[in-house]
PDB file of all heavy atoms in Angstrom:
ATOM      1  N   ASN A   1      -6.103   7.897   1.520  1.00  0.00           N
ATOM      2  CA  ASN A   1      -5.246   8.061   0.351  1.00  0.00           C
ATOM      3  C   ASN A   1      -4.526   6.762   0.028  1.00  0.00           C
ATOM      4  O   ASN A   1      -4.447   5.848   0.861  1.00  0.00           O
ATOM      5  CB  ASN A   1      -4.228   9.174   0.598  1.00  0.00           C
ATOM      6  CG  ASN A   1      -4.877  10.521   0.824  1.00  0.00           C
ATOM      7  OD1 ASN A   1      -5.797  10.916   0.105  1.00  0.00           O
ATOM      8  ND2 ASN A   1      -4.412  11.258   1.830  1.00  0.00           N
ATOM      9  N   GLY A   2      -3.949   6.690  -1.154  1.00  0.00           N
ATOM     10  CA  GLY A   2      -3.261   5.465  -1.550  1.00  0.00           C
ATOM     11  C   GLY A   2      -2.206   5.018  -0.561  1.00  0.00           C
ATOM     12  O   GLY A   2      -2.058   3.826  -0.265  1.00  0.00           O
ATOM     13  N   GLY A   3      -1.449   5.963  -0.022  1.00  0.00           N
ATOM     14  CA  GLY A   3      -0.393   5.634   0.928  1.00  0.00           C
ATOM     15  C   GLY A   3      -0.887   5.124   2.261  1.00  0.00           C
ATOM     16  O   GLY A   3      -0.105   4.603   3.056  1.00  0.00           O
ATOM     17  N   ASP A   4      -2.213   5.264   2.536  1.00  0.00           N
ATOM     18  CA  ASP A   4      -2.795   4.830   3.799  1.00  0.00           C
ATOM     19  C   ASP A   4      -3.344   3.412   3.746  1.00  0.00           C
ATOM     20  O   ASP A   4      -3.686   2.843   4.797  1.00  0.00           O
ATOM     21  CB  ASP A   4      -3.936   5.772   4.213  1.00  0.00           C
ATOM     22  CG  ASP A   4      -3.501   7.215   4.348  1.00  0.00           C
ATOM     23  OD1 ASP A   4      -2.354   7.446   4.772  1.00  0.00           O
ATOM     24  OD2 ASP A   4      -4.316   8.125   4.023  1.00  0.00           O
ATOM     25  N   TRP A   5      -3.452   2.852   2.563  1.00  0.00           N
ATOM     26  CA  TRP A   5      -4.177   1.589   2.408  1.00  0.00           C
ATOM     27  C   TRP A   5      -3.547   0.427   3.177  1.00  0.00           C
ATOM     28  O   TRP A   5      -4.291  -0.439   3.674  1.00  0.00           O
ATOM     29  CB  TRP A   5      -4.306   1.235   0.920  1.00  0.00           C
ATOM     30  CG  TRP A   5      -5.477   1.891   0.238  1.00  0.00           C
ATOM     31  CD1 TRP A   5      -5.896   3.177   0.406  1.00  0.00           C
ATOM     32  CD2 TRP A   5      -6.346   1.311  -0.726  1.00  0.00           C
ATOM     33  NE1 TRP A   5      -6.982   3.444  -0.391  1.00  0.00           N
ATOM     34  CE2 TRP A   5      -7.280   2.296  -1.110  1.00  0.00           C
ATOM     35  CE3 TRP A   5      -6.441   0.062  -1.323  1.00  0.00           C
ATOM     36  CZ2 TRP A   5      -8.287   2.067  -2.033  1.00  0.00           C
ATOM     37  CZ3 TRP A   5      -7.440  -0.183  -2.260  1.00  0.00           C
ATOM     38  CH2 TRP A   5      -8.353   0.821  -2.604  1.00  0.00           C
ATOM     39  N   ALA A   6      -2.247   0.362   3.279  1.00  0.00           N
ATOM     40  CA  ALA A   6      -1.616  -0.768   3.965  1.00  0.00           C
ATOM     41  C   ALA A   6      -2.044  -0.836   5.431  1.00  0.00           C
ATOM     42  O   ALA A   6      -2.352  -1.912   5.955  1.00  0.00           O
ATOM     43  CB  ALA A   6      -0.093  -0.689   3.859  1.00  0.00           C
ATOM     44  N   ASP A   7      -2.068   0.315   6.104  1.00  0.00           N
ATOM     45  CA  ASP A   7      -2.462   0.340   7.507  1.00  0.00           C
ATOM     46  C   ASP A   7      -3.922  -0.079   7.680  1.00  0.00           C
ATOM     47  O   ASP A   7      -4.265  -0.823   8.599  1.00  0.00           O
ATOM     48  CB  ASP A   7      -2.243   1.736   8.096  1.00  0.00           C
ATOM     49  CG  ASP A   7      -0.786   2.080   8.289  1.00  0.00           C
ATOM     50  OD1 ASP A   7       0.050   1.154   8.236  1.00  0.00           O
ATOM     51  OD2 ASP A   7      -0.478   3.275   8.473  1.00  0.00           O
ATOM     52  N   THR A   8      -4.786   0.404   6.795  1.00  0.00           N
ATOM     53  CA  THR A   8      -6.197   0.056   6.881  1.00  0.00           C
ATOM     54  C   THR A   8      -6.406  -1.424   6.555  1.00  0.00           C
ATOM     55  O   THR A   8      -7.237  -2.101   7.160  1.00  0.00           O
ATOM     56  CB  THR A   8      -7.019   0.942   5.942  1.00  0.00           C
ATOM     57  OG1 THR A   8      -6.594   2.288   6.030  1.00  0.00           O
ATOM     58  CG2 THR A   8      -8.492   0.868   6.291  1.00  0.00           C
ATOM     59  N   TRP A   9      -5.656  -1.921   5.591  1.00  0.00           N
ATOM     60  CA  TRP A   9      -5.729  -3.335   5.205  1.00  0.00           C
ATOM     61  C   TRP A   9      -5.361  -4.223   6.406  1.00  0.00           C
ATOM     62  O   TRP A   9      -6.030  -5.230   6.688  1.00  0.00           O
ATOM     63  CB  TRP A   9      -4.765  -3.583   4.045  1.00  0.00           C
ATOM     64  CG  TRP A   9      -5.166  -4.629   3.063  1.00  0.00           C
ATOM     65  CD1 TRP A   9      -4.822  -5.950   3.107  1.00  0.00           C
ATOM     66  CD2 TRP A   9      -5.943  -4.459   1.865  1.00  0.00           C
ATOM     67  NE1 TRP A   9      -5.325  -6.605   2.011  1.00  0.00           N
ATOM     68  CE2 TRP A   9      -6.026  -5.712   1.229  1.00  0.00           C
ATOM     69  CE3 TRP A   9      -6.580  -3.383   1.280  1.00  0.00           C
ATOM     70  CZ2 TRP A   9      -6.715  -5.907   0.026  1.00  0.00           C
ATOM     71  CZ3 TRP A   9      -7.270  -3.560   0.086  1.00  0.00           C
ATOM     72  CH2 TRP A   9      -7.327  -4.805  -0.525  1.00  0.00           C
ATOM     73  N   ARG A  10      -4.300  -3.848   7.113  1.00  0.00           N
ATOM     74  CA  ARG A  10      -3.894  -4.600   8.304  1.00  0.00           C
ATOM     75  C   ARG A  10      -4.957  -4.528   9.389  1.00  0.00           C
ATOM     76  O   ARG A  10      -5.214  -5.514  10.097  1.00  0.00           O
ATOM     77  CB  ARG A  10      -2.574  -4.079   8.854  1.00  0.00           C
ATOM     78  CG  ARG A  10      -1.351  -4.340   7.999  1.00  0.00           C
ATOM     79  CD  ARG A  10      -0.075  -4.031   8.762  1.00  0.00           C
ATOM     80  NE  ARG A  10       1.105  -4.146   7.911  1.00  0.00           N
ATOM     81  CZ  ARG A  10       1.626  -3.140   7.239  1.00  0.00           C
ATOM     82  NH1 ARG A  10       1.076  -1.934   7.311  1.00  0.00           N
ATOM     83  NH2 ARG A  10       2.693  -3.322   6.480  1.00  0.00           N
ATOM     84  N   ALA A  11      -5.568  -3.350   9.556  1.00  0.00           N
ATOM     85  CA  ALA A  11      -6.604  -3.190  10.562  1.00  0.00           C
ATOM     86  C   ALA A  11      -7.780  -4.128  10.316  1.00  0.00           C
ATOM     87  O   ALA A  11      -8.464  -4.541  11.254  1.00  0.00           O
ATOM     88  CB  ALA A  11      -7.077  -1.736  10.606  1.00  0.00           C
ATOM     89  N   LYS A  12      -8.013  -4.464   9.075  1.00  0.00           N
ATOM     90  CA  LYS A  12      -9.074  -5.410   8.729  1.00  0.00           C
ATOM     91  C   LYS A  12      -8.623  -6.857   8.937  1.00  0.00           C
ATOM     92  O   LYS A  12      -9.442  -7.768   8.946  1.00  0.00           O
ATOM     93  CB  LYS A  12      -9.506  -5.204   7.271  1.00  0.00           C
ATOM     94  CG  LYS A  12     -10.800  -5.939   6.887  1.00  0.00           C
ATOM     95  CD  LYS A  12     -11.237  -5.566   5.479  1.00  0.00           C
ATOM     96  CE  LYS A  12     -12.524  -6.308   5.085  1.00  0.00           C
ATOM     97  NZ  LYS A  12     -13.690  -5.887   5.944  1.00  0.00           N
ATOM     98  N   GLY A  13      -7.317  -7.060   9.122  1.00  0.00           N
ATOM     99  CA  GLY A  13      -6.788  -8.409   9.291  1.00  0.00           C
ATOM    100  C   GLY A  13      -6.458  -9.110   8.001  1.00  0.00           C
ATOM    101  O   GLY A  13      -6.272 -10.333   7.966  1.00  0.00           O
ATOM    102  N   TRP A  14      -6.395  -8.356   6.891  1.00  0.00           N
ATOM    103  CA  TRP A  14      -6.072  -8.948   5.596  1.00  0.00           C
ATOM    104  C   TRP A  14      -4.558  -8.960   5.391  1.00  0.00           C
ATOM    105  O   TRP A  14      -3.842  -8.129   5.954  1.00  0.00           O
ATOM    106  CB  TRP A  14      -6.756  -8.162   4.484  1.00  0.00           C
ATOM    107  CG  TRP A  14      -8.226  -8.466   4.355  1.00  0.00           C
ATOM    108  CD1 TRP A  14      -9.016  -9.132   5.262  1.00  0.00           C
ATOM    109  CD2 TRP A  14      -9.082  -8.098   3.276  1.00  0.00           C
ATOM    110  NE1 TRP A  14     -10.296  -9.212   4.805  1.00  0.00           N
ATOM    111  CE2 TRP A  14     -10.368  -8.577   3.571  1.00  0.00           C
ATOM    112  CE3 TRP A  14      -8.889  -7.418   2.071  1.00  0.00           C
ATOM    113  CZ2 TRP A  14     -11.455  -8.392   2.720  1.00  0.00           C
ATOM    114  CZ3 TRP A  14      -9.967  -7.238   1.214  1.00  0.00           C
ATOM    115  CH2 TRP A  14     -11.236  -7.729   1.545  1.00  0.00           C
ATOM    116  N   PRO A  15      -4.056  -9.873   4.537  1.00  0.00           N
ATOM    117  CA  PRO A  15      -2.606 -10.059   4.413  1.00  0.00           C
ATOM    118  C   PRO A  15      -1.887  -8.878   3.750  1.00  0.00           C
ATOM    119  O   PRO A  15      -2.338  -8.363   2.713  1.00  0.00           O
ATOM    120  CB  PRO A  15      -2.464 -11.316   3.555  1.00  0.00           C
ATOM    121  CG  PRO A  15      -3.804 -11.959   3.563  1.00  0.00           C
ATOM    122  CD  PRO A  15      -4.820 -10.885   3.770  1.00  0.00           C
ATOM    123  N   VAL A  16      -0.787  -8.489   4.349  1.00  0.00           N
ATOM    124  CA  VAL A  16       0.108  -7.469   3.815  1.00  0.00           C
ATOM    125  C   VAL A  16       1.514  -8.021   3.886  1.00  0.00           C
ATOM    126  O   VAL A  16       1.979  -8.404   4.959  1.00  0.00           O
ATOM    127  CB  VAL A  16       0.025  -6.151   4.609  1.00  0.00           C
ATOM    128  CG1 VAL A  16       1.009  -5.117   4.052  1.00  0.00           C
ATOM    129  CG2 VAL A  16      -1.385  -5.601   4.623  1.00  0.00           C
ATOM    130  N   ASP A  17       2.215  -8.094   2.739  1.00  0.00           N
ATOM    131  CA  ASP A  17       3.571  -8.593   2.751  1.00  0.00           C
ATOM    132  C   ASP A  17       4.336  -8.044   1.564  1.00  0.00           C
ATOM    133  O   ASP A  17       3.905  -7.060   0.932  1.00  0.00           O
ATOM    134  CB  ASP A  17       3.611 -10.132   2.790  1.00  0.00           C
ATOM    135  CG  ASP A  17       2.912 -10.804   1.615  1.00  0.00           C
ATOM    136  OD1 ASP A  17       2.801 -10.169   0.532  1.00  0.00           O
ATOM    137  OD2 ASP A  17       2.486 -11.974   1.747  1.00  0.00           O
ATOM    138  N   ASN A  18       5.467  -8.662   1.250  1.00  0.00           N
ATOM    139  CA  ASN A  18       6.298  -8.205   0.139  1.00  0.00           C
ATOM    140  C   ASN A  18       6.324  -9.207  -1.013  1.00  0.00           C
ATOM    141  O   ASN A  18       7.265  -9.237  -1.804  1.00  0.00           O
ATOM    142  CB  ASN A  18       7.724  -7.931   0.627  1.00  0.00           C
ATOM    143  CG  ASN A  18       7.767  -6.863   1.700  1.00  0.00           C
ATOM    144  OD1 ASN A  18       8.132  -7.122   2.840  1.00  0.00           O
ATOM    145  ND2 ASN A  18       7.344  -5.649   1.360  1.00  0.00           N
ATOM    146  N   THR A  19       5.271 -10.032  -1.113  1.00  0.00           N
ATOM    147  CA  THR A  19       5.181 -11.051  -2.153  1.00  0.00           C
ATOM    148  C   THR A  19       4.191 -10.614  -3.227  1.00  0.00           C
ATOM    149  O   THR A  19       2.996 -10.462  -2.948  1.00  0.00           O
ATOM    150  CB  THR A  19       4.734 -12.395  -1.559  1.00  0.00           C
ATOM    151  OG1 THR A  19       5.636 -12.788  -0.518  1.00  0.00           O
ATOM    152  CG2 THR A  19       4.698 -13.467  -2.634  1.00  0.00           C
ATOM    153  N   PRO A  20       4.626 -10.409  -4.474  1.00  0.00           N
ATOM    154  CA  PRO A  20       3.701  -9.968  -5.529  1.00  0.00           C
ATOM    155  C   PRO A  20       2.739 -11.079  -5.921  1.00  0.00           C
ATOM    156  O   PRO A  20       3.071 -12.260  -5.892  1.00  0.00           O
ATOM    157  CB  PRO A  20       4.633  -9.596  -6.683  1.00  0.00           C
ATOM    158  CG  PRO A  20       5.875 -10.392  -6.453  1.00  0.00           C
ATOM    159  CD  PRO A  20       6.020 -10.514  -4.970  1.00  0.00           C
ATOM    160  N   GLU A  21       1.536 -10.684  -6.306  1.00  0.00           N
ATOM    161  CA  GLU A  21       0.488 -11.611  -6.711  1.00  0.00           C
ATOM    162  C   GLU A  21      -0.454 -10.878  -7.652  1.00  0.00           C
ATOM    163  O   GLU A  21      -0.815  -9.715  -7.412  1.00  0.00           O
ATOM    164  CB  GLU A  21      -0.279 -12.111  -5.489  1.00  0.00           C
ATOM    165  CG  GLU A  21      -1.533 -12.896  -5.809  1.00  0.00           C
ATOM    166  CD  GLU A  21      -2.580 -12.882  -4.699  1.00  0.00           C
ATOM    167  OE1 GLU A  21      -2.582 -11.972  -3.872  1.00  0.00           O
ATOM    168  OE2 GLU A  21      -3.409 -13.799  -4.692  1.00  0.00           O
ATOM    169  N   VAL A  22      -0.840 -11.508  -8.743  1.00  0.00           N
ATOM    170  CA  VAL A  22      -1.805 -10.906  -9.657  1.00  0.00           C
ATOM    171  C   VAL A  22      -3.092 -10.594  -8.895  1.00  0.00           C
ATOM    172  O   VAL A  22      -3.614 -11.426  -8.161  1.00  0.00           O
ATOM    173  CB  VAL A  22      -2.097 -11.846 -10.850  1.00  0.00           C
ATOM    174  CG1 VAL A  22      -3.235 -11.278 -11.698  1.00  0.00           C
ATOM    175  CG2 VAL A  22      -0.854 -12.043 -11.692  1.00  0.00           C
ATOM    176  N   GLY A  23      -3.593  -9.373  -9.078  1.00  0.00           N
ATOM    177  CA  GLY A  23      -4.814  -8.954  -8.410  1.00  0.00           C
ATOM    178  C   GLY A  23      -4.592  -8.276  -7.075  1.00  0.00           C
ATOM    179  O   GLY A  23      -5.505  -7.633  -6.543  1.00  0.00           O
ATOM    180  N   ALA A  24      -3.393  -8.423  -6.510  1.00  0.00           N
ATOM    181  CA  ALA A  24      -3.089  -7.758  -5.242  1.00  0.00           C
ATOM    182  C   ALA A  24      -2.935  -6.254  -5.466  1.00  0.00           C
ATOM    183  O   ALA A  24      -2.584  -5.800  -6.561  1.00  0.00           O
ATOM    184  CB  ALA A  24      -1.819  -8.327  -4.629  1.00  0.00           C
ATOM    185  N   MET A  25      -3.216  -5.479  -4.441  1.00  0.00           N
ATOM    186  CA  MET A  25      -2.981  -4.048  -4.521  1.00  0.00           C
ATOM    187  C   MET A  25      -1.490  -3.768  -4.374  1.00  0.00           C
ATOM    188  O   MET A  25      -0.834  -4.317  -3.470  1.00  0.00           O
ATOM    189  CB  MET A  25      -3.744  -3.304  -3.415  1.00  0.00           C
ATOM    190  CG  MET A  25      -5.243  -3.584  -3.379  1.00  0.00           C
ATOM    191  SD  MET A  25      -6.121  -3.039  -4.848  1.00  0.00           S
ATOM    192  CE  MET A  25      -6.882  -4.591  -5.381  1.00  0.00           C
ATOM    193  N   ALA A  26      -0.953  -2.954  -5.246  1.00  0.00           N
ATOM    194  CA  ALA A  26       0.445  -2.525  -5.159  1.00  0.00           C
ATOM    195  C   ALA A  26       0.469  -1.198  -4.405  1.00  0.00           C
ATOM    196  O   ALA A  26       0.019  -0.169  -4.911  1.00  0.00           O
ATOM    197  CB  ALA A  26       1.049  -2.378  -6.550  1.00  0.00           C
ATOM    198  N   HIS A  27       0.971  -1.224  -3.193  1.00  0.00           N
ATOM    199  CA  HIS A  27       0.896  -0.079  -2.290  1.00  0.00           C
ATOM    200  C   HIS A  27       2.220   0.680  -2.237  1.00  0.00           C
ATOM    201  O   HIS A  27       3.280   0.085  -2.076  1.00  0.00           O
ATOM    202  CB  HIS A  27       0.510  -0.566  -0.878  1.00  0.00           C
ATOM    203  CG  HIS A  27       0.711   0.450   0.195  1.00  0.00           C
ATOM    204  ND1 HIS A  27       1.730   0.354   1.121  1.00  0.00           N
ATOM    205  CD2 HIS A  27       0.043   1.584   0.484  1.00  0.00           C
ATOM    206  CE1 HIS A  27       1.671   1.387   1.930  1.00  0.00           C
ATOM    207  NE2 HIS A  27       0.659   2.147   1.579  1.00  0.00           N
ATOM    208  N   PHE A  28       2.136   2.003  -2.370  1.00  0.00           N
ATOM    209  CA  PHE A  28       3.302   2.890  -2.275  1.00  0.00           C
ATOM    210  C   PHE A  28       3.071   3.879  -1.122  1.00  0.00           C
ATOM    211  O   PHE A  28       2.068   4.588  -1.098  1.00  0.00           O
ATOM    212  CB  PHE A  28       3.499   3.708  -3.551  1.00  0.00           C
ATOM    213  CG  PHE A  28       3.765   2.907  -4.799  1.00  0.00           C
ATOM    214  CD1 PHE A  28       2.730   2.240  -5.450  1.00  0.00           C
ATOM    215  CD2 PHE A  28       5.041   2.848  -5.346  1.00  0.00           C
ATOM    216  CE1 PHE A  28       2.958   1.535  -6.620  1.00  0.00           C
ATOM    217  CE2 PHE A  28       5.280   2.140  -6.517  1.00  0.00           C
ATOM    218  CZ  PHE A  28       4.232   1.473  -7.154  1.00  0.00           C
ATOM    219  N   TYR A  29       4.023   3.917  -0.197  1.00  0.00           N
ATOM    220  CA  TYR A  29       3.944   4.936   0.844  1.00  0.00           C
ATOM    221  C   TYR A  29       4.160   6.326   0.251  1.00  0.00           C
ATOM    222  O   TYR A  29       4.763   6.458  -0.829  1.00  0.00           O
ATOM    223  CB  TYR A  29       4.997   4.690   1.920  1.00  0.00           C
ATOM    224  CG  TYR A  29       4.640   3.615   2.913  1.00  0.00           C
ATOM    225  CD1 TYR A  29       5.430   2.478   3.043  1.00  0.00           C
ATOM    226  CD2 TYR A  29       3.526   3.755   3.743  1.00  0.00           C
ATOM    227  CE1 TYR A  29       5.118   1.496   3.971  1.00  0.00           C
ATOM    228  CE2 TYR A  29       3.209   2.762   4.670  1.00  0.00           C
ATOM    229  CZ  TYR A  29       3.999   1.645   4.769  1.00  0.00           C
ATOM    230  OH  TYR A  29       3.681   0.680   5.692  1.00  0.00           O
ATOM    231  N   ALA A  30       3.686   7.355   0.933  1.00  0.00           N
ATOM    232  CA  ALA A  30       3.947   8.727   0.521  1.00  0.00           C
ATOM    233  C   ALA A  30       5.450   8.952   0.410  1.00  0.00           C
ATOM    234  O   ALA A  30       6.204   8.631   1.325  1.00  0.00           O
ATOM    235  CB  ALA A  30       3.335   9.709   1.519  1.00  0.00           C
ATOM    236  N   GLY A  31       5.891   9.478  -0.711  1.00  0.00           N
ATOM    237  CA  GLY A  31       7.308   9.749  -0.914  1.00  0.00           C
ATOM    238  C   GLY A  31       8.089   8.610  -1.522  1.00  0.00           C
ATOM    239  O   GLY A  31       9.267   8.784  -1.873  1.00  0.00           O
ATOM    240  N   ALA A  32       7.484   7.430  -1.660  1.00  0.00           N
ATOM    241  CA  ALA A  32       8.180   6.312  -2.292  1.00  0.00           C
ATOM    242  C   ALA A  32       8.413   6.624  -3.773  1.00  0.00           C
ATOM    243  O   ALA A  32       7.631   7.348  -4.389  1.00  0.00           O
ATOM    244  CB  ALA A  32       7.377   5.024  -2.145  1.00  0.00           C
ATOM    245  N   PRO A  33       9.491   6.090  -4.368  1.00  0.00           N
ATOM    246  CA  PRO A  33       9.745   6.336  -5.790  1.00  0.00           C
ATOM    247  C   PRO A  33       8.547   5.943  -6.651  1.00  0.00           C
ATOM    248  O   PRO A  33       7.986   4.859  -6.489  1.00  0.00           O
ATOM    249  CB  PRO A  33      10.957   5.449  -6.080  1.00  0.00           C
ATOM    250  CG  PRO A  33      11.644   5.292  -4.762  1.00  0.00           C
ATOM    251  CD  PRO A  33      10.546   5.262  -3.743  1.00  0.00           C
ATOM    252  N   GLY A  34       8.126   6.846  -7.519  1.00  0.00           N
ATOM    253  CA  GLY A  34       6.996   6.567  -8.382  1.00  0.00           C
ATOM    254  C   GLY A  34       5.645   6.863  -7.769  1.00  0.00           C
ATOM    255  O   GLY A  34       4.610   6.477  -8.321  1.00  0.00           O
ATOM    256  N   ALA A  35       5.649   7.559  -6.600  1.00  0.00           N
ATOM    257  CA  ALA A  35       4.402   7.881  -5.912  1.00  0.00           C
ATOM    258  C   ALA A  35       4.410   9.332  -5.459  1.00  0.00           C
ATOM    259  O   ALA A  35       5.466   9.976  -5.390  1.00  0.00           O
ATOM    260  CB  ALA A  35       4.189   6.965  -4.716  1.00  0.00           C
ATOM    261  N   SER A  36       3.234   9.845  -5.159  1.00  0.00           N
ATOM    262  CA  SER A  36       3.108  11.203  -4.648  1.00  0.00           C
ATOM    263  C   SER A  36       3.812  11.337  -3.302  1.00  0.00           C
ATOM    264  O   SER A  36       3.698  10.454  -2.441  1.00  0.00           O
ATOM    265  CB  SER A  36       1.627  11.571  -4.488  1.00  0.00           C
ATOM    266  OG  SER A  36       1.472  12.723  -3.684  1.00  0.00           O
ATOM    267  N   ALA A  37       4.525  12.442  -3.141  1.00  0.00           N
ATOM    268  CA  ALA A  37       5.218  12.684  -1.880  1.00  0.00           C
ATOM    269  C   ALA A  37       4.243  12.956  -0.747  1.00  0.00           C
ATOM    270  O   ALA A  37       4.580  12.800   0.431  1.00  0.00           O
ATOM    271  CB  ALA A  37       6.182  13.863  -2.019  1.00  0.00           C
ATOM    272  N   THR A  38       3.032  13.352  -1.086  1.00  0.00           N
ATOM    273  CA  THR A  38       2.020  13.693  -0.080  1.00  0.00           C
ATOM    274  C   THR A  38       1.015  12.575   0.150  1.00  0.00           C
ATOM    275  O   THR A  38       0.681  12.242   1.287  1.00  0.00           O
ATOM    276  CB  THR A  38       1.268  14.969  -0.494  1.00  0.00           C
ATOM    277  OG1 THR A  38       2.193  16.024  -0.717  1.00  0.00           O
ATOM    278  CG2 THR A  38       0.263  15.371   0.584  1.00  0.00           C
ATOM    279  N   TYR A  39       0.532  11.962  -0.937  1.00  0.00           N
ATOM    280  CA  TYR A  39      -0.589  11.033  -0.842  1.00  0.00           C
ATOM    281  C   TYR A  39      -0.213   9.568  -1.020  1.00  0.00           C
ATOM    282  O   TYR A  39      -1.031   8.691  -0.763  1.00  0.00           O
ATOM    283  CB  TYR A  39      -1.654  11.401  -1.875  1.00  0.00           C
ATOM    284  CG  TYR A  39      -2.131  12.839  -1.764  1.00  0.00           C
ATOM    285  CD1 TYR A  39      -1.801  13.777  -2.743  1.00  0.00           C
ATOM    286  CD2 TYR A  39      -2.879  13.251  -0.672  1.00  0.00           C
ATOM    287  CE1 TYR A  39      -2.224  15.087  -2.645  1.00  0.00           C
ATOM    288  CE2 TYR A  39      -3.304  14.570  -0.557  1.00  0.00           C
ATOM    289  CZ  TYR A  39      -2.966  15.487  -1.549  1.00  0.00           C
ATOM    290  OH  TYR A  39      -3.393  16.796  -1.435  1.00  0.00           O
ATOM    291  N   GLY A  40       1.007   9.274  -1.451  1.00  0.00           N
ATOM    292  CA  GLY A  40       1.332   7.903  -1.771  1.00  0.00           C
ATOM    293  C   GLY A  40       0.620   7.477  -3.046  1.00  0.00           C
ATOM    294  O   GLY A  40       0.198   8.313  -3.859  1.00  0.00           O
TER     295      GLY A  40
END
């Protein structure tokens, strides 16, 4: 699910941080404002 992507991205060794970049995936955890409470 969308809320799971950050963990999987890290497992691949790809960069995850808090710096916005055009083309980067914008990840929302489950329950984050503007996201599904169940799926992110």
